[in-house]
Amino acid sequence: MFRFQPATAFAELGVTKQQAQSLTVSLMALDLTSALATVTVPTAVVCGTRDIANRGAAKRLTQIMPNATLTHLPGGHELNRAQPEQFAAVIQKLANQV
C-alpha cells in the first residue's frame, strides 16, 4: 500500500516510510477478535453504503460484540466528513444510551 507513496508523504505523521510499513505489517498480524465478545458497552458501528471494503468487517463486528448496532449511512469511507449531521446523530443516539 505504501510502496508507491514518496517518503516525504510520511513527514506530517512524524514517522518514516519504513516505520509506517512496519506498523502496518504488525497491525495486520494482530487479531483481537476473541476479545470483542467481552466488550459490553453499547457500540455504534457505522459503515457507508459504498464502503465495500469494510462492509463485511462492520457486519462481523456487530455479530461478535453483544451490544453493537450497525448503521449504514449514504457514502463511502469518511462518513464523518461526507455526512457529518447523520454521523453525529448516530453518535448522539449512542451517547444517550450510556
PDB file of N, CA and C in Angstrom:
ATOM      1  N   MET A   1       0.821  -1.179   0.000  1.00  0.00           N
ATOM      2  CA  MET A   1       0.000   0.000   0.000  1.00  0.00           C
ATOM      3  C   MET A   1       0.875   1.256   0.000  1.00  0.00           C
ATOM      4  N   PHE A   2       1.932   1.278   0.759  1.00  0.00           N
ATOM      5  CA  PHE A   2       2.788   2.458   0.848  1.00  0.00           C
ATOM      6  C   PHE A   2       3.885   2.467  -0.214  1.00  0.00           C
ATOM      7  N   ARG A   3       3.983   1.409  -0.969  1.00  0.00           N
ATOM      8  CA  ARG A   3       5.066   1.250  -1.920  1.00  0.00           C
ATOM      9  C   ARG A   3       5.166   2.419  -2.904  1.00  0.00           C
ATOM     10  N   PHE A   4       4.033   2.948  -3.326  1.00  0.00           N
ATOM     11  CA  PHE A   4       4.031   3.987  -4.342  1.00  0.00           C
ATOM     12  C   PHE A   4       4.039   5.404  -3.762  1.00  0.00           C
ATOM     13  N   GLN A   5       3.957   5.519  -2.454  1.00  0.00           N
ATOM     14  CA  GLN A   5       3.964   6.841  -1.831  1.00  0.00           C
ATOM     15  C   GLN A   5       5.402   7.272  -1.572  1.00  0.00           C
ATOM     16  N   PRO A   6       5.702   8.544  -1.821  1.00  0.00           N
ATOM     17  CA  PRO A   6       7.065   9.013  -1.543  1.00  0.00           C
ATOM     18  C   PRO A   6       7.307   9.095  -0.043  1.00  0.00           C
ATOM     19  N   ALA A   7       8.541   8.969   0.362  1.00  0.00           N
ATOM     20  CA  ALA A   7       8.900   9.024   1.788  1.00  0.00           C
ATOM     21  C   ALA A   7       8.454  10.336   2.419  1.00  0.00           C
ATOM     22  N   THR A   8       8.421  11.396   1.643  1.00  0.00           N
ATOM     23  CA  THR A   8       8.025  12.704   2.189  1.00  0.00           C
ATOM     24  C   THR A   8       6.561  12.735   2.621  1.00  0.00           C
ATOM     25  N   ALA A   9       5.749  11.833   2.111  1.00  0.00           N
ATOM     26  CA  ALA A   9       4.336  11.794   2.473  1.00  0.00           C
ATOM     27  C   ALA A   9       4.128  11.436   3.948  1.00  0.00           C
ATOM     28  N   PHE A  10       5.131  10.883   4.581  1.00  0.00           N
ATOM     29  CA  PHE A  10       5.006  10.441   5.972  1.00  0.00           C
ATOM     30  C   PHE A  10       5.539  11.464   6.968  1.00  0.00           C
ATOM     31  N   ALA A  11       6.138  12.529   6.473  1.00  0.00           N
ATOM     32  CA  ALA A  11       6.754  13.543   7.337  1.00  0.00           C
ATOM     33  C   ALA A  11       5.738  14.151   8.303  1.00  0.00           C
ATOM     34  N   GLU A  12       4.516  14.424   7.824  1.00  0.00           N
ATOM     35  CA  GLU A  12       3.494  15.024   8.686  1.00  0.00           C
ATOM     36  C   GLU A  12       3.068  14.094   9.808  1.00  0.00           C
ATOM     37  N   LEU A  13       3.224  12.811   9.590  1.00  0.00           N
ATOM     38  CA  LEU A  13       2.852  11.825  10.604  1.00  0.00           C
ATOM     39  C   LEU A  13       3.923  11.658  11.676  1.00  0.00           C
ATOM     40  N   GLY A  14       5.116  12.164  11.381  1.00  0.00           N
ATOM     41  CA  GLY A  14       6.211  12.037  12.339  1.00  0.00           C
ATOM     42  C   GLY A  14       6.865  10.667  12.338  1.00  0.00           C
ATOM     43  N   VAL A  15       6.683   9.926  11.253  1.00  0.00           N
ATOM     44  CA  VAL A  15       7.304   8.605  11.117  1.00  0.00           C
ATOM     45  C   VAL A  15       7.946   8.519   9.745  1.00  0.00           C
ATOM     46  N   THR A  16       8.841   7.582   9.617  1.00  0.00           N
ATOM     47  CA  THR A  16       9.442   7.330   8.309  1.00  0.00           C
ATOM     48  C   THR A  16       8.545   6.373   7.531  1.00  0.00           C
ATOM     49  N   LYS A  17       8.766   6.279   6.252  1.00  0.00           N
ATOM     50  CA  LYS A  17       8.018   5.351   5.424  1.00  0.00           C
ATOM     51  C   LYS A  17       8.223   3.922   5.913  1.00  0.00           C
ATOM     52  N   GLN A  18       9.446   3.581   6.269  1.00  0.00           N
ATOM     53  CA  GLN A  18       9.747   2.233   6.761  1.00  0.00           C
ATOM     54  C   GLN A  18       9.000   1.954   8.063  1.00  0.00           C
ATOM     55  N   GLN A  19       8.924   2.945   8.964  1.00  0.00           N
ATOM     56  CA  GLN A  19       8.193   2.755  10.214  1.00  0.00           C
ATOM     57  C   GLN A  19       6.701   2.534   9.954  1.00  0.00           C
ATOM     58  N   ALA A  20       6.137   3.286   9.028  1.00  0.00           N
ATOM     59  CA  ALA A  20       4.724   3.125   8.693  1.00  0.00           C
ATOM     60  C   ALA A  20       4.463   1.736   8.104  1.00  0.00           C
ATOM     61  N   GLN A  21       5.356   1.280   7.251  1.00  0.00           N
ATOM     62  CA  GLN A  21       5.213  -0.055   6.675  1.00  0.00           C
ATOM     63  C   GLN A  21       5.304  -1.128   7.753  1.00  0.00           C
ATOM     64  N   SER A  22       6.251  -0.980   8.652  1.00  0.00           N
ATOM     65  CA  SER A  22       6.430  -1.952   9.734  1.00  0.00           C
ATOM     66  C   SER A  22       5.200  -1.991  10.635  1.00  0.00           C
ATOM     67  N   LEU A  23       4.662  -0.829  10.965  1.00  0.00           N
ATOM     68  CA  LEU A  23       3.468  -0.767  11.806  1.00  0.00           C
ATOM     69  C   LEU A  23       2.288  -1.444  11.120  1.00  0.00           C
ATOM     70  N   THR A  24       2.139  -1.213   9.842  1.00  0.00           N
ATOM     71  CA  THR A  24       1.038  -1.821   9.092  1.00  0.00           C
ATOM     72  C   THR A  24       1.139  -3.336   9.107  1.00  0.00           C
ATOM     73  N   VAL A  25       2.341  -3.864   8.916  1.00  0.00           N
ATOM     74  CA  VAL A  25       2.538  -5.316   8.947  1.00  0.00           C
ATOM     75  C   VAL A  25       2.191  -5.861  10.329  1.00  0.00           C
ATOM     76  N   SER A  26       2.609  -5.170  11.375  1.00  0.00           N
ATOM     77  CA  SER A  26       2.304  -5.603  12.739  1.00  0.00           C
ATOM     78  C   SER A  26       0.803  -5.603  13.006  1.00  0.00           C
ATOM     79  N   LEU A  27       0.122  -4.559  12.552  1.00  0.00           N
ATOM     80  CA  LEU A  27      -1.318  -4.470  12.777  1.00  0.00           C
ATOM     81  C   LEU A  27      -2.081  -5.545  12.009  1.00  0.00           C
ATOM     82  N   MET A  28      -1.584  -5.913  10.849  1.00  0.00           N
ATOM     83  CA  MET A  28      -2.238  -6.962  10.073  1.00  0.00           C
ATOM     84  C   MET A  28      -2.167  -8.310  10.792  1.00  0.00           C
ATOM     85  N   ALA A  29      -1.141  -8.506  11.588  1.00  0.00           N
ATOM     86  CA  ALA A  29      -0.977  -9.764  12.316  1.00  0.00           C
ATOM     87  C   ALA A  29      -1.754  -9.778  13.635  1.00  0.00           C
ATOM     88  N   LEU A  30      -2.203  -8.616  14.072  1.00  0.00           N
ATOM     89  CA  LEU A  30      -2.907  -8.501  15.352  1.00  0.00           C
ATOM     90  C   LEU A  30      -4.348  -8.974  15.207  1.00  0.00           C
ATOM     91  N   ASP A  31      -4.760  -9.902  16.024  1.00  0.00           N
ATOM     92  CA  ASP A  31      -6.127 -10.421  15.968  1.00  0.00           C
ATOM     93  C   ASP A  31      -6.759 -10.339  17.353  1.00  0.00           C
ATOM     94  N   LEU A  32      -7.664  -9.408  17.522  1.00  0.00           N
ATOM     95  CA  LEU A  32      -8.348  -9.222  18.801  1.00  0.00           C
ATOM     96  C   LEU A  32      -9.799  -9.703  18.743  1.00  0.00           C
ATOM     97  N   THR A  33     -10.105 -10.540  17.781  1.00  0.00           N
ATOM     98  CA  THR A  33     -11.472 -10.995  17.579  1.00  0.00           C
ATOM     99  C   THR A  33     -12.081 -11.590  18.839  1.00  0.00           C
ATOM    100  N   SER A  34     -11.357 -12.438  19.533  1.00  0.00           N
ATOM    101  CA  SER A  34     -11.916 -13.092  20.726  1.00  0.00           C
ATOM    102  C   SER A  34     -12.224 -12.089  21.828  1.00  0.00           C
ATOM    103  N   ALA A  35     -11.478 -11.015  21.897  1.00  0.00           N
ATOM    104  CA  ALA A  35     -11.712 -10.003  22.921  1.00  0.00           C
ATOM    105  C   ALA A  35     -12.963  -9.174  22.642  1.00  0.00           C
ATOM    106  N   LEU A  36     -13.382  -9.104  21.393  1.00  0.00           N
ATOM    107  CA  LEU A  36     -14.552  -8.289  21.053  1.00  0.00           C
ATOM    108  C   LEU A  36     -15.815  -8.771  21.750  1.00  0.00           C
ATOM    109  N   ALA A  37     -15.934 -10.050  21.974  1.00  0.00           N
ATOM    110  CA  ALA A  37     -17.115 -10.596  22.640  1.00  0.00           C
ATOM    111  C   ALA A  37     -17.225 -10.137  24.083  1.00  0.00           C
ATOM    112  N   THR A  38     -16.144  -9.649  24.643  1.00  0.00           N
ATOM    113  CA  THR A  38     -16.162  -9.190  26.044  1.00  0.00           C
ATOM    114  C   THR A  38     -16.493  -7.708  26.161  1.00  0.00           C
ATOM    115  N   VAL A  39     -16.607  -7.008  25.047  1.00  0.00           N
ATOM    116  CA  VAL A  39     -16.947  -5.587  25.068  1.00  0.00           C
ATOM    117  C   VAL A  39     -18.452  -5.480  25.269  1.00  0.00           C
ATOM    118  N   THR A  40     -18.867  -5.004  26.431  1.00  0.00           N
ATOM    119  CA  THR A  40     -20.293  -4.986  26.753  1.00  0.00           C
ATOM    120  C   THR A  40     -20.915  -3.595  26.701  1.00  0.00           C
ATOM    121  N   VAL A  41     -20.132  -2.575  26.488  1.00  0.00           N
ATOM    122  CA  VAL A  41     -20.703  -1.228  26.398  1.00  0.00           C
ATOM    123  C   VAL A  41     -21.414  -1.074  25.058  1.00  0.00           C
ATOM    124  N   PRO A  42     -22.457  -0.260  25.007  1.00  0.00           N
ATOM    125  CA  PRO A  42     -23.096  -0.001  23.718  1.00  0.00           C
ATOM    126  C   PRO A  42     -22.075   0.552  22.722  1.00  0.00           C
ATOM    127  N   THR A  43     -22.108   0.017  21.522  1.00  0.00           N
ATOM    128  CA  THR A  43     -21.127   0.380  20.497  1.00  0.00           C
ATOM    129  C   THR A  43     -21.838   0.650  19.181  1.00  0.00           C
ATOM    130  N   ALA A  44     -21.506   1.781  18.568  1.00  0.00           N
ATOM    131  CA  ALA A  44     -22.054   2.111  17.252  1.00  0.00           C
ATOM    132  C   ALA A  44     -21.029   1.744  16.187  1.00  0.00           C
ATOM    133  N   VAL A  45     -21.437   0.911  15.264  1.00  0.00           N
ATOM    134  CA  VAL A  45     -20.616   0.580  14.105  1.00  0.00           C
ATOM    135  C   VAL A  45     -21.286   1.278  12.925  1.00  0.00           C
ATOM    136  N   VAL A  46     -20.561   2.171  12.278  1.00  0.00           N
ATOM    137  CA  VAL A  46     -21.121   2.957  11.192  1.00  0.00           C
ATOM    138  C   VAL A  46     -20.353   2.638   9.924  1.00  0.00           C
ATOM    139  N   CYS A  47     -21.089   2.347   8.860  1.00  0.00           N
ATOM    140  CA  CYS A  47     -20.462   1.971   7.594  1.00  0.00           C
ATOM    141  C   CYS A  47     -21.192   2.667   6.454  1.00  0.00           C
ATOM    142  N   GLY A  48     -20.430   3.145   5.507  1.00  0.00           N
ATOM    143  CA  GLY A  48     -21.012   3.783   4.336  1.00  0.00           C
ATOM    144  C   GLY A  48     -21.585   2.759   3.379  1.00  0.00           C
ATOM    145  N   THR A  49     -22.653   3.130   2.705  1.00  0.00           N
ATOM    146  CA  THR A  49     -23.291   2.219   1.758  1.00  0.00           C
ATOM    147  C   THR A  49     -22.373   1.879   0.591  1.00  0.00           C
ATOM    148  N   ARG A  50     -21.413   2.754   0.309  1.00  0.00           N
ATOM    149  CA  ARG A  50     -20.460   2.481  -0.774  1.00  0.00           C
ATOM    150  C   ARG A  50     -19.103   2.012  -0.259  1.00  0.00           C
ATOM    151  N   ASP A  51     -18.992   1.765   1.039  1.00  0.00           N
ATOM    152  CA  ASP A  51     -17.726   1.314   1.630  1.00  0.00           C
ATOM    153  C   ASP A  51     -17.638  -0.203   1.546  1.00  0.00           C
ATOM    154  N   ILE A  52     -17.474  -0.686   0.339  1.00  0.00           N
ATOM    155  CA  ILE A  52     -17.471  -2.127   0.083  1.00  0.00           C
ATOM    156  C   ILE A  52     -16.336  -2.830   0.823  1.00  0.00           C
ATOM    157  N   ALA A  53     -15.196  -2.163   0.951  1.00  0.00           N
ATOM    158  CA  ALA A  53     -14.030  -2.783   1.590  1.00  0.00           C
ATOM    159  C   ALA A  53     -14.272  -3.102   3.059  1.00  0.00           C
ATOM    160  N   ASN A  54     -15.125  -2.331   3.730  1.00  0.00           N
ATOM    161  CA  ASN A  54     -15.336  -2.525   5.171  1.00  0.00           C
ATOM    162  C   ASN A  54     -16.715  -3.060   5.532  1.00  0.00           C
ATOM    163  N   ARG A  55     -17.552  -3.294   4.561  1.00  0.00           N
ATOM    164  CA  ARG A  55     -18.915  -3.759   4.819  1.00  0.00           C
ATOM    165  C   ARG A  55     -18.935  -5.072   5.597  1.00  0.00           C
ATOM    166  N   GLY A  56     -18.123  -6.027   5.175  1.00  0.00           N
ATOM    167  CA  GLY A  56     -18.087  -7.324   5.855  1.00  0.00           C
ATOM    168  C   GLY A  56     -17.579  -7.216   7.278  1.00  0.00           C
ATOM    169  N   ALA A  57     -16.538  -6.418   7.472  1.00  0.00           N
ATOM    170  CA  ALA A  57     -15.987  -6.242   8.821  1.00  0.00           C
ATOM    171  C   ALA A  57     -17.004  -5.578   9.744  1.00  0.00           C
ATOM    172  N   ALA A  58     -17.735  -4.607   9.225  1.00  0.00           N
ATOM    173  CA  ALA A  58     -18.748  -3.934  10.041  1.00  0.00           C
ATOM    174  C   ALA A  58     -19.825  -4.919  10.473  1.00  0.00           C
ATOM    175  N   LYS A  59     -20.239  -5.766   9.553  1.00  0.00           N
ATOM    176  CA  LYS A  59     -21.254  -6.771   9.883  1.00  0.00           C
ATOM    177  C   LYS A  59     -20.727  -7.758  10.927  1.00  0.00           C
ATOM    178  N   ARG A  60     -19.483  -8.204  10.737  1.00  0.00           N
ATOM    179  CA  ARG A  60     -18.891  -9.157  11.698  1.00  0.00           C
ATOM    180  C   ARG A  60     -18.767  -8.530  13.088  1.00  0.00           C
ATOM    181  N   LEU A  61     -18.381  -7.270  13.155  1.00  0.00           N
ATOM    182  CA  LEU A  61     -18.272  -6.600  14.457  1.00  0.00           C
ATOM    183  C   LEU A  61     -19.594  -6.641  15.204  1.00  0.00           C
ATOM    184  N   THR A  62     -20.679  -6.340  14.507  1.00  0.00           N
ATOM    185  CA  THR A  62     -21.979  -6.325  15.186  1.00  0.00           C
ATOM    186  C   THR A  62     -22.458  -7.721  15.545  1.00  0.00           C
ATOM    187  N   GLN A  63     -21.965  -8.726  14.851  1.00  0.00           N
ATOM    188  CA  GLN A  63     -22.326 -10.097  15.200  1.00  0.00           C
ATOM    189  C   GLN A  63     -21.551 -10.579  16.420  1.00  0.00           C
ATOM    190  N   ILE A  64     -20.331 -10.111  16.575  1.00  0.00           N
ATOM    191  CA  ILE A  64     -19.464 -10.565  17.669  1.00  0.00           C
ATOM    192  C   ILE A  64     -19.700  -9.770  18.951  1.00  0.00           C
ATOM    193  N   MET A  65     -19.843  -8.463  18.826  1.00  0.00           N
ATOM    194  CA  MET A  65     -19.981  -7.607  20.008  1.00  0.00           C
ATOM    195  C   MET A  65     -21.433  -7.615  20.484  1.00  0.00           C
ATOM    196  N   PRO A  66     -21.667  -7.965  21.744  1.00  0.00           N
ATOM    197  CA  PRO A  66     -23.036  -8.178  22.219  1.00  0.00           C
ATOM    198  C   PRO A  66     -23.934  -6.938  22.187  1.00  0.00           C
ATOM    199  N   ASN A  67     -23.388  -5.750  22.313  1.00  0.00           N
ATOM    200  CA  ASN A  67     -24.221  -4.543  22.355  1.00  0.00           C
ATOM    201  C   ASN A  67     -23.892  -3.569  21.235  1.00  0.00           C
ATOM    202  N   ALA A  68     -23.513  -4.110  20.100  1.00  0.00           N
ATOM    203  CA  ALA A  68     -23.181  -3.270  18.951  1.00  0.00           C
ATOM    204  C   ALA A  68     -24.360  -3.179  17.995  1.00  0.00           C
ATOM    205  N   THR A  69     -24.531  -2.000  17.419  1.00  0.00           N
ATOM    206  CA  THR A  69     -25.551  -1.814  16.393  1.00  0.00           C
ATOM    207  C   THR A  69     -24.871  -1.283  15.134  1.00  0.00           C
ATOM    208  N   LEU A  70     -25.345  -1.751  14.004  1.00  0.00           N
ATOM    209  CA  LEU A  70     -24.784  -1.347  12.726  1.00  0.00           C
ATOM    210  C   LEU A  70     -25.714  -0.353  12.055  1.00  0.00           C
ATOM    211  N   THR A  71     -25.153   0.768  11.653  1.00  0.00           N
ATOM    212  CA  THR A  71     -25.896   1.778  10.912  1.00  0.00           C
ATOM    213  C   THR A  71     -25.184   2.024   9.598  1.00  0.00           C
ATOM    214  N   HIS A  72     -25.937   1.962   8.516  1.00  0.00           N
ATOM    215  CA  HIS A  72     -25.394   2.294   7.201  1.00  0.00           C
ATOM    216  C   HIS A  72     -25.832   3.710   6.848  1.00  0.00           C
ATOM    217  N   LEU A  73     -24.879   4.521   6.463  1.00  0.00           N
ATOM    218  CA  LEU A  73     -25.165   5.878   6.009  1.00  0.00           C
ATOM    219  C   LEU A  73     -24.761   6.008   4.548  1.00  0.00           C
ATOM    220  N   PRO A  74     -25.449   6.868   3.806  1.00  0.00           N
ATOM    221  CA  PRO A  74     -25.057   7.070   2.405  1.00  0.00           C
ATOM    222  C   PRO A  74     -23.627   7.590   2.327  1.00  0.00           C
ATOM    223  N   GLY A  75     -22.827   6.976   1.490  1.00  0.00           N
ATOM    224  CA  GLY A  75     -21.464   7.457   1.321  1.00  0.00           C
ATOM    225  C   GLY A  75     -20.450   6.340   1.322  1.00  0.00           C
ATOM    226  N   GLY A  76     -19.201   6.766   1.360  1.00  0.00           N
ATOM    227  CA  GLY A  76     -18.090   5.835   1.320  1.00  0.00           C
ATOM    228  C   GLY A  76     -17.471   5.635   2.681  1.00  0.00           C
ATOM    229  N   HIS A  77     -16.164   5.876   2.779  1.00  0.00           N
ATOM    230  CA  HIS A  77     -15.410   5.538   3.985  1.00  0.00           C
ATOM    231  C   HIS A  77     -15.385   6.655   5.030  1.00  0.00           C
ATOM    232  N   GLU A  78     -15.293   7.898   4.628  1.00  0.00           N
ATOM    233  CA  GLU A  78     -15.159   9.007   5.585  1.00  0.00           C
ATOM    234  C   GLU A  78     -16.516   9.655   5.862  1.00  0.00           C
ATOM    235  N   LEU A  79     -17.376   8.935   6.539  1.00  0.00           N
ATOM    236  CA  LEU A  79     -18.729   9.415   6.783  1.00  0.00           C
ATOM    237  C   LEU A  79     -18.780  10.628   7.702  1.00  0.00           C
ATOM    238  N   ASN A  80     -17.830  10.730   8.609  1.00  0.00           N
ATOM    239  CA  ASN A  80     -17.809  11.890   9.494  1.00  0.00           C
ATOM    240  C   ASN A  80     -17.590  13.180   8.708  1.00  0.00           C
ATOM    241  N   ARG A  81     -16.979  13.075   7.533  1.00  0.00           N
ATOM    242  CA  ARG A  81     -16.767  14.244   6.680  1.00  0.00           C
ATOM    243  C   ARG A  81     -17.872  14.380   5.632  1.00  0.00           C
ATOM    244  N   ALA A  82     -18.301  13.263   5.079  1.00  0.00           N
ATOM    245  CA  ALA A  82     -19.281  13.300   3.996  1.00  0.00           C
ATOM    246  C   ALA A  82     -20.716  13.493   4.499  1.00  0.00           C
ATOM    247  N   GLN A  83     -21.026  12.935   5.649  1.00  0.00           N
ATOM    248  CA  GLN A  83     -22.365  13.007   6.226  1.00  0.00           C
ATOM    249  C   GLN A  83     -22.273  13.429   7.694  1.00  0.00           C
ATOM    250  N   PRO A  84     -21.716  14.604   7.993  1.00  0.00           N
ATOM    251  CA  PRO A  84     -21.455  14.958   9.395  1.00  0.00           C
ATOM    252  C   PRO A  84     -22.701  15.012  10.278  1.00  0.00           C
ATOM    253  N   GLU A  85     -23.812  15.495   9.742  1.00  0.00           N
ATOM    254  CA  GLU A  85     -25.020  15.581  10.571  1.00  0.00           C
ATOM    255  C   GLU A  85     -25.578  14.200  10.884  1.00  0.00           C
ATOM    256  N   GLN A  86     -25.634  13.331   9.862  1.00  0.00           N
ATOM    257  CA  GLN A  86     -26.145  11.987  10.091  1.00  0.00           C
ATOM    258  C   GLN A  86     -25.201  11.189  10.986  1.00  0.00           C
ATOM    259  N   PHE A  87     -23.913  11.366  10.780  1.00  0.00           N
ATOM    260  CA  PHE A  87     -22.923  10.685  11.612  1.00  0.00           C
ATOM    261  C   PHE A  87     -23.054  11.144  13.063  1.00  0.00           C
ATOM    262  N   ALA A  88     -23.183  12.450  13.267  1.00  0.00           N
ATOM    263  CA  ALA A  88     -23.337  12.994  14.619  1.00  0.00           C
ATOM    264  C   ALA A  88     -24.608  12.474  15.283  1.00  0.00           C
ATOM    265  N   ALA A  89     -25.664  12.292  14.510  1.00  0.00           N
ATOM    266  CA  ALA A  89     -26.913  11.771  15.070  1.00  0.00           C
ATOM    267  C   ALA A  89     -26.732  10.343  15.592  1.00  0.00           C
ATOM    268  N   VAL A  90     -25.967   9.544  14.872  1.00  0.00           N
ATOM    269  CA  VAL A  90     -25.693   8.170  15.317  1.00  0.00           C
ATOM    270  C   VAL A  90     -24.901   8.203  16.624  1.00  0.00           C
ATOM    271  N   ILE A  91     -23.895   9.058  16.686  1.00  0.00           N
ATOM    272  CA  ILE A  91     -23.072   9.164  17.898  1.00  0.00           C
ATOM    273  C   ILE A  91     -23.898   9.718  19.060  1.00  0.00           C
ATOM    274  N   GLN A  92     -24.765  10.694  18.787  1.00  0.00           N
ATOM    275  CA  GLN A  92     -25.607  11.252  19.843  1.00  0.00           C
ATOM    276  C   GLN A  92     -26.552  10.205  20.393  1.00  0.00           C
ATOM    277  N   LYS A  93     -27.113   9.390  19.506  1.00  0.00           N
ATOM    278  CA  LYS A  93     -28.006   8.307  19.951  1.00  0.00           C
ATOM    279  C   LYS A  93     -27.245   7.345  20.868  1.00  0.00           C
ATOM    280  N   LEU A  94     -26.022   7.025  20.501  1.00  0.00           N
ATOM    281  CA  LEU A  94     -25.189   6.153  21.330  1.00  0.00           C
ATOM    282  C   LEU A  94     -24.909   6.809  22.680  1.00  0.00           C
ATOM    283  N   ALA A  95     -24.559   8.087  22.658  1.00  0.00           N
ATOM    284  CA  ALA A  95     -24.258   8.797  23.906  1.00  0.00           C
ATOM    285  C   ALA A  95     -25.461   8.842  24.831  1.00  0.00           C
ATOM    286  N   ASN A  96     -26.642   8.924  24.278  1.00  0.00           N
ATOM    287  CA  ASN A  96     -27.860   8.937  25.092  1.00  0.00           C
ATOM    288  C   ASN A  96     -28.125   7.599  25.767  1.00  0.00           C
ATOM    289  N   GLN A  97     -27.534   6.532  25.235  1.00  0.00           N
ATOM    290  CA  GLN A  97     -27.719   5.195  25.804  1.00  0.00           C
ATOM    291  C   GLN A  97     -26.843   4.963  27.019  1.00  0.00           C
ATOM    292  N   VAL A  98     -25.750   5.668  27.110  1.00  0.00           N
ATOM    293  CA  VAL A  98     -24.799   5.406  28.205  1.00  0.00           C
ATOM    294  C   VAL A  98     -24.868   6.438  29.294  1.00  0.00           C
TER     295      VAL A  98
END
